[in-house]
C-alpha atoms as a PDB file:
ATOM      1  CA  UNK A   1      -7.532  -9.231  14.349  1.00  0.00           C
ATOM      2  CA  UNK A   2      -6.778  -6.091  12.395  1.00  0.00           C
ATOM      3  CA  UNK A   3      -6.430  -6.062   8.632  1.00  0.00           C
ATOM      4  CA  UNK A   4      -4.134  -3.381   7.264  1.00  0.00           C
ATOM      5  CA  UNK A   5      -4.785  -2.372   3.665  1.00  0.00           C
ATOM      6  CA  UNK A   6      -1.500  -0.808   2.597  1.00  0.00           C
ATOM      7  CA  UNK A   7      -0.308   0.831  -0.580  1.00  0.00           C
ATOM      8  CA  UNK A   8       2.645   2.994  -1.530  1.00  0.00           C
ATOM      9  CA  UNK A   9       3.421   4.986  -4.641  1.00  0.00           C
ATOM     10  CA  UNK A  10       7.088   5.369  -5.481  1.00  0.00           C
ATOM     11  CA  UNK A  11       9.516   7.117  -7.803  1.00  0.00           C
ATOM     12  CA  UNK A  12      10.576   3.785  -9.317  1.00  0.00           C
ATOM     13  CA  UNK A  13      10.829   0.047  -8.764  1.00  0.00           C
ATOM     14  CA  UNK A  14      14.116  -0.233  -6.841  1.00  0.00           C
ATOM     15  CA  UNK A  15      13.718   0.290  -3.103  1.00  0.00           C
ATOM     16  CA  UNK A  16      17.466   0.903  -2.743  1.00  0.00           C
ATOM     17  CA  UNK A  17      17.345   3.946  -5.072  1.00  0.00           C
ATOM     18  CA  UNK A  18      13.764   5.146  -5.345  1.00  0.00           C
ATOM     19  CA  UNK A  19      11.486   6.707  -2.758  1.00  0.00           C
ATOM     20  CA  UNK A  20       7.982   6.524  -1.375  1.00  0.00           C
ATOM     21  CA  UNK A  21       6.019   9.568  -2.485  1.00  0.00           C
ATOM     22  CA  UNK A  22       2.646   8.476  -1.145  1.00  0.00           C
ATOM     23  CA  UNK A  23       1.526   5.969   1.469  1.00  0.00           C
ATOM     24  CA  UNK A  24      -1.869   4.852   2.740  1.00  0.00           C
ATOM     25  CA  UNK A  25      -2.695   2.489   5.583  1.00  0.00           C
ATOM     26  CA  UNK A  26      -6.297   1.611   6.383  1.00  0.00           C
ATOM     27  CA  UNK A  27      -6.845  -0.375   9.582  1.00  0.00           C
ATOM     28  CA  UNK A  28      -9.991  -2.488   9.713  1.00  0.00           C
ATOM     29  CA  UNK A  29     -11.526  -4.800  12.283  1.00  0.00           C
ATOM     30  CA  UNK A  30     -11.484  -8.088  10.375  1.00  0.00           C
ATOM     31  CA  UNK A  31     -14.615  -9.414  12.061  1.00  0.00           C
ATOM     32  CA  UNK A  32     -16.876  -6.381  11.698  1.00  0.00           C
ATOM     33  CA  UNK A  33     -15.334  -4.680   8.662  1.00  0.00           C
ATOM     34  CA  UNK A  34     -15.351  -1.380  10.540  1.00  0.00           C
ATOM     35  CA  UNK A  35     -12.531   1.013   9.706  1.00  0.00           C
ATOM     36  CA  UNK A  36     -10.502   1.701  12.831  1.00  0.00           C
ATOM     37  CA  UNK A  37      -8.309   4.403  11.356  1.00  0.00           C
ATOM     38  CA  UNK A  38      -6.481   5.714   8.310  1.00  0.00           C
ATOM     39  CA  UNK A  39      -3.059   7.121   7.588  1.00  0.00           C
ATOM     40  CA  UNK A  40      -2.618   8.835   4.221  1.00  0.00           C
ATOM     41  CA  UNK A  41       0.405  11.007   3.355  1.00  0.00           C
ATOM     42  CA  UNK A  42       2.067  12.441   0.331  1.00  0.00           C
ATOM     43  CA  UNK A  43       5.804  12.506   0.932  1.00  0.00           C
ATOM     44  CA  UNK A  44       8.132  14.935  -0.762  1.00  0.00           C
ATOM     45  CA  UNK A  45      10.800  13.099  -2.775  1.00  0.00           C
ATOM     46  CA  UNK A  46      14.307  14.111  -1.708  1.00  0.00           C
ATOM     47  CA  UNK A  47      16.079  12.680  -4.788  1.00  0.00           C
ATOM     48  CA  UNK A  48      13.675  13.399  -7.620  1.00  0.00           C
ATOM     49  CA  UNK A  49      16.598  13.273 -10.063  1.00  0.00           C
ATOM     50  CA  UNK A  50      16.836   9.502  -9.589  1.00  0.00           C
ATOM     51  CA  UNK A  51      13.131   8.984 -10.291  1.00  0.00           C
ATOM     52  CA  UNK A  52      11.975   6.932 -13.248  1.00  0.00           C
ATOM     53  CA  UNK A  53       9.902   9.212 -15.517  1.00  0.00           C
ATOM     54  CA  UNK A  54       7.471   6.354 -16.255  1.00  0.00           C
ATOM     55  CA  UNK A  55       6.841   5.819 -12.532  1.00  0.00           C
ATOM     56  CA  UNK A  56       6.073   9.512 -12.051  1.00  0.00           C
ATOM     57  CA  UNK A  57       3.745   9.438 -15.038  1.00  0.00           C
ATOM     58  CA  UNK A  58       1.914   6.361 -13.727  1.00  0.00           C
ATOM     59  CA  UNK A  59       1.351   7.704 -10.225  1.00  0.00           C
ATOM     60  CA  UNK A  60       0.606  11.244 -11.360  1.00  0.00           C
ATOM     61  CA  UNK A  61       3.453  12.970  -9.543  1.00  0.00           C
ATOM     62  CA  UNK A  62       3.705  16.695 -10.209  1.00  0.00           C
ATOM     63  CA  UNK A  63       5.134  19.616  -8.273  1.00  0.00           C
ATOM     64  CA  UNK A  64       1.763  21.299  -7.766  1.00  0.00           C
ATOM     65  CA  UNK A  65       0.082  18.295  -6.140  1.00  0.00           C
ATOM     66  CA  UNK A  66       3.123  17.615  -3.941  1.00  0.00           C
ATOM     67  CA  UNK A  67       3.810  21.242  -2.933  1.00  0.00           C
ATOM     68  CA  UNK A  68       2.377  20.645   0.560  1.00  0.00           C
ATOM     69  CA  UNK A  69       3.737  17.104   0.910  1.00  0.00           C
ATOM     70  CA  UNK A  70       5.523  16.247   4.130  1.00  0.00           C
ATOM     71  CA  UNK A  71       9.270  15.826   4.061  1.00  0.00           C
ATOM     72  CA  UNK A  72      10.428  12.342   5.019  1.00  0.00           C
ATOM     73  CA  UNK A  73      11.057  12.360   8.750  1.00  0.00           C
ATOM     74  CA  UNK A  74      11.514  10.406  11.946  1.00  0.00           C
ATOM     75  CA  UNK A  75       7.962  11.432  12.880  1.00  0.00           C
ATOM     76  CA  UNK A  76       6.458   9.808   9.763  1.00  0.00           C
ATOM     77  CA  UNK A  77       8.647   6.709  10.198  1.00  0.00           C
ATOM     78  CA  UNK A  78       7.583   6.344  13.840  1.00  0.00           C
ATOM     79  CA  UNK A  79       3.913   6.804  12.925  1.00  0.00           C
ATOM     80  CA  UNK A  80       4.112   4.077  10.270  1.00  0.00           C
ATOM     81  CA  UNK A  81       6.007   1.719  12.590  1.00  0.00           C
ATOM     82  CA  UNK A  82       3.582   2.280  15.476  1.00  0.00           C
ATOM     83  CA  UNK A  83       0.521   1.736  13.273  1.00  0.00           C
ATOM     84  CA  UNK A  84       1.874  -1.617  12.121  1.00  0.00           C
ATOM     85  CA  UNK A  85       3.278  -2.789  15.473  1.00  0.00           C
ATOM     86  CA  UNK A  86       0.474  -4.518  17.345  1.00  0.00           C
ATOM     87  CA  UNK A  87       0.282  -7.464  19.711  1.00  0.00           C
ATOM     88  CA  UNK A  88      -2.181  -9.347  17.515  1.00  0.00           C
ATOM     89  CA  UNK A  89       0.172  -9.106  14.523  1.00  0.00           C
ATOM     90  CA  UNK A  90      -2.616  -8.279  12.095  1.00  0.00           C
ATOM     91  CA  UNK A  91      -2.818  -9.108   8.420  1.00  0.00           C
ATOM     92  CA  UNK A  92      -1.195  -6.978   5.728  1.00  0.00           C
ATOM     93  CA  UNK A  93      -3.389  -6.801   2.615  1.00  0.00           C
ATOM     94  CA  UNK A  94      -2.238  -5.324  -0.662  1.00  0.00           C
ATOM     95  CA  UNK A  95      -1.732  -5.838  -4.352  1.00  0.00           C
ATOM     96  CA  UNK A  96       1.817  -7.246  -4.413  1.00  0.00           C
ATOM     97  CA  UNK A  97       2.426  -6.265  -0.766  1.00  0.00           C
ATOM     98  CA  UNK A  98       6.020  -7.544  -0.883  1.00  0.00           C
ATOM     99  CA  UNK A  99       6.905  -4.560  -3.089  1.00  0.00           C
ATOM    100  CA  UNK A 100       5.334  -2.141  -0.613  1.00  0.00           C
ATOM    101  CA  UNK A 101       7.018  -3.776   2.382  1.00  0.00           C
ATOM    102  CA  UNK A 102      10.477  -3.439   0.806  1.00  0.00           C
ATOM    103  CA  UNK A 103       9.902   0.290   0.324  1.00  0.00           C
ATOM    104  CA  UNK A 104       8.457   0.791   3.803  1.00  0.00           C
ATOM    105  CA  UNK A 105      11.368  -1.104   5.368  1.00  0.00           C
ATOM    106  CA  UNK A 106      13.829   1.059   3.394  1.00  0.00           C
ATOM    107  CA  UNK A 107      12.002   4.209   4.561  1.00  0.00           C
ATOM    108  CA  UNK A 108      12.097   3.075   8.204  1.00  0.00           C
ATOM    109  CA  UNK A 109      15.805   2.219   7.993  1.00  0.00           C
ATOM    110  CA  UNK A 110      16.631   5.603   6.468  1.00  0.00           C
ATOM    111  CA  UNK A 111      14.354   7.919   8.453  1.00  0.00           C
ATOM    112  CA  UNK A 112      13.399   5.848  11.509  1.00  0.00           C
ATOM    113  CA  UNK A 113      15.437   4.054  14.110  1.00  0.00           C
ATOM    114  CA  UNK A 114      17.221   1.910  11.521  1.00  0.00           C
ATOM    115  CA  UNK A 115      14.997  -1.126  11.935  1.00  0.00           C
ATOM    116  CA  UNK A 116      12.442  -2.732   9.681  1.00  0.00           C
ATOM    117  CA  UNK A 117       8.938  -3.982  10.355  1.00  0.00           C
ATOM    118  CA  UNK A 118       8.435  -7.220  12.203  1.00  0.00           C
ATOM    119  CA  UNK A 119       6.913 -10.156  10.381  1.00  0.00           C
ATOM    120  CA  UNK A 120       3.276  -9.762   9.459  1.00  0.00           C
ATOM    121  CA  UNK A 121       1.330 -12.309   7.421  1.00  0.00           C
ATOM    122  CA  UNK A 122       0.292 -10.992   4.015  1.00  0.00           C
ATOM    123  CA  UNK A 123      -2.696 -11.461   1.766  1.00  0.00           C
ATOM    124  CA  UNK A 124      -1.810 -10.581  -1.819  1.00  0.00           C
ATOM    125  CA  UNK A 125      -4.918  -9.585  -3.776  1.00  0.00           C
ATOM    126  CA  UNK A 126      -2.952 -10.104  -6.987  1.00  0.00           C
ATOM    127  CA  UNK A 127      -2.346 -13.761  -6.112  1.00  0.00           C
ATOM    128  CA  UNK A 128      -5.988 -14.216  -5.086  1.00  0.00           C
ATOM    129  CA  UNK A 129      -7.096 -12.776  -8.435  1.00  0.00           C
ATOM    130  CA  UNK A 130      -4.656 -15.009 -10.324  1.00  0.00           C
ATOM    131  CA  UNK A 131      -6.026 -18.080  -8.576  1.00  0.00           C
ATOM    132  CA  UNK A 132      -9.633 -17.139  -9.301  1.00  0.00           C
ATOM    133  CA  UNK A 133      -9.573 -15.453 -12.692  1.00  0.00           C
ATOM    134  CA  UNK A 134      -6.845 -17.162 -14.712  1.00  0.00           C
ATOM    135  CA  UNK A 135      -7.005 -18.036 -17.612  1.00  0.00           C
ATOM    136  CA  UNK A 136      -9.885 -15.675 -18.502  1.00  0.00           C
ATOM    137  CA  UNK A 137      -7.845 -12.732 -17.185  1.00  0.00           C
ATOM    138  CA  UNK A 138      -4.267 -12.607 -18.454  1.00  0.00           C
ATOM    139  CA  UNK A 139      -2.936  -9.443 -16.758  1.00  0.00           C
ATOM    140  CA  UNK A 140      -3.367  -8.918 -13.055  1.00  0.00           C
ATOM    141  CA  UNK A 141      -2.690  -5.242 -12.449  1.00  0.00           C
ATOM    142  CA  UNK A 142      -4.940  -3.707  -9.822  1.00  0.00           C
ATOM    143  CA  UNK A 143      -6.688  -1.758 -12.580  1.00  0.00           C
ATOM    144  CA  UNK A 144      -7.404  -4.928 -14.581  1.00  0.00           C
ATOM    145  CA  UNK A 145      -8.621  -6.852 -11.525  1.00  0.00           C
ATOM    146  CA  UNK A 146     -10.837  -3.933 -10.450  1.00  0.00           C
ATOM    147  CA  UNK A 147     -12.356  -3.675 -13.931  1.00  0.00           C
ATOM    148  CA  UNK A 148     -12.831  -7.451 -14.211  1.00  0.00           C
ATOM    149  CA  UNK A 149     -14.654  -7.518 -10.877  1.00  0.00           C
ATOM    150  CA  UNK A 150     -16.796  -4.510 -11.804  1.00  0.00           C
ATOM    151  CA  UNK A 151     -15.674  -2.526  -8.781  1.00  0.00           C
ATOM    152  CA  UNK A 152     -16.299   0.817 -10.405  1.00  0.00           C
ATOM    153  CA  UNK A 153     -13.995   3.681 -11.173  1.00  0.00           C
ATOM    154  CA  UNK A 154     -11.396   5.159  -8.890  1.00  0.00           C
ATOM    155  CA  UNK A 155      -8.051   6.818  -9.203  1.00  0.00           C
ATOM    156  CA  UNK A 156      -5.548   4.094  -9.964  1.00  0.00           C
ATOM    157  CA  UNK A 157      -2.030   4.578  -8.601  1.00  0.00           C
ATOM    158  CA  UNK A 158      -3.138   6.828  -5.788  1.00  0.00           C
ATOM    159  CA  UNK A 159      -2.138   5.123  -2.534  1.00  0.00           C
ATOM    160  CA  UNK A 160      -5.409   5.721  -0.688  1.00  0.00           C
ATOM    161  CA  UNK A 161      -7.584   4.694  -3.643  1.00  0.00           C
ATOM    162  CA  UNK A 162      -5.534   1.558  -4.273  1.00  0.00           C
ATOM    163  CA  UNK A 163      -5.721   0.548  -0.589  1.00  0.00           C
ATOM    164  CA  UNK A 164      -9.506   0.947  -0.703  1.00  0.00           C
ATOM    165  CA  UNK A 165      -9.695  -1.098  -3.922  1.00  0.00           C
ATOM    166  CA  UNK A 166      -7.849  -3.925  -2.135  1.00  0.00           C
ATOM    167  CA  UNK A 167     -10.383  -3.622   0.685  1.00  0.00           C
ATOM    168  CA  UNK A 168     -13.239  -3.900  -1.837  1.00  0.00           C
ATOM    169  CA  UNK A 169     -11.628  -7.008  -3.333  1.00  0.00           C
ATOM    170  CA  UNK A 170     -11.377  -8.663   0.091  1.00  0.00           C
ATOM    171  CA  UNK A 171     -14.970  -7.732   0.909  1.00  0.00           C
ATOM    172  CA  UNK A 172     -16.201  -8.961  -2.488  1.00  0.00           C
ATOM    173  CA  UNK A 173     -14.556 -12.334  -1.871  1.00  0.00           C
ATOM    174  CA  UNK A 174     -15.867 -12.232   1.689  1.00  0.00           C
ATOM    175  CA  UNK A 175     -12.457 -13.212   2.996  1.00  0.00           C
ATOM    176  CA  UNK A 176     -12.877 -13.407   6.742  1.00  0.00           C
ATOM    177  CA  UNK A 177     -10.497 -13.868   9.619  1.00  0.00           C
ATOM    178  CA  UNK A 178     -10.964 -17.276  11.207  1.00  0.00           C
ATOM    179  CA  UNK A 179      -9.113 -16.460  14.412  1.00  0.00           C
ATOM    180  CA  UNK A 180      -9.442 -14.180  17.329  1.00  0.00           C
END
């Protein structure tokens, strides 16, 4: 089975208004832990005027860093859809992956063929952390969980870094696939 560590950074919290500005997908063989491939893109926002300033501050959006970002396109939508469309279904891993899936589905509907991703089981590292660390940990942001677990420093709210932090969490808990 393949585990997909997925993270998106967005211009706000509402997938019907706001946009993905960065996406990372890391595919890993769940039995060996070997990385099978990565997809990491900054995406140029097309409606920056509707962005929430706080969201842009949190994820570090600025014109200079996004000057070479790809425009949203059918090509990007098809790449995302093909990466996540496999016979074995795979496992989607993320910190609140339901948020990311809503944004990815909205992106695919707008720039792809109009469809959304098929069902994929999800492992939410936020829920795992809540089950293991509450009540000693009261806030379960990825940054707080990372710090609590002593996973070292990385750039928080960068899609690729956050996807790799989720991978570290899974590896630290030694969560293994039981099938396949």
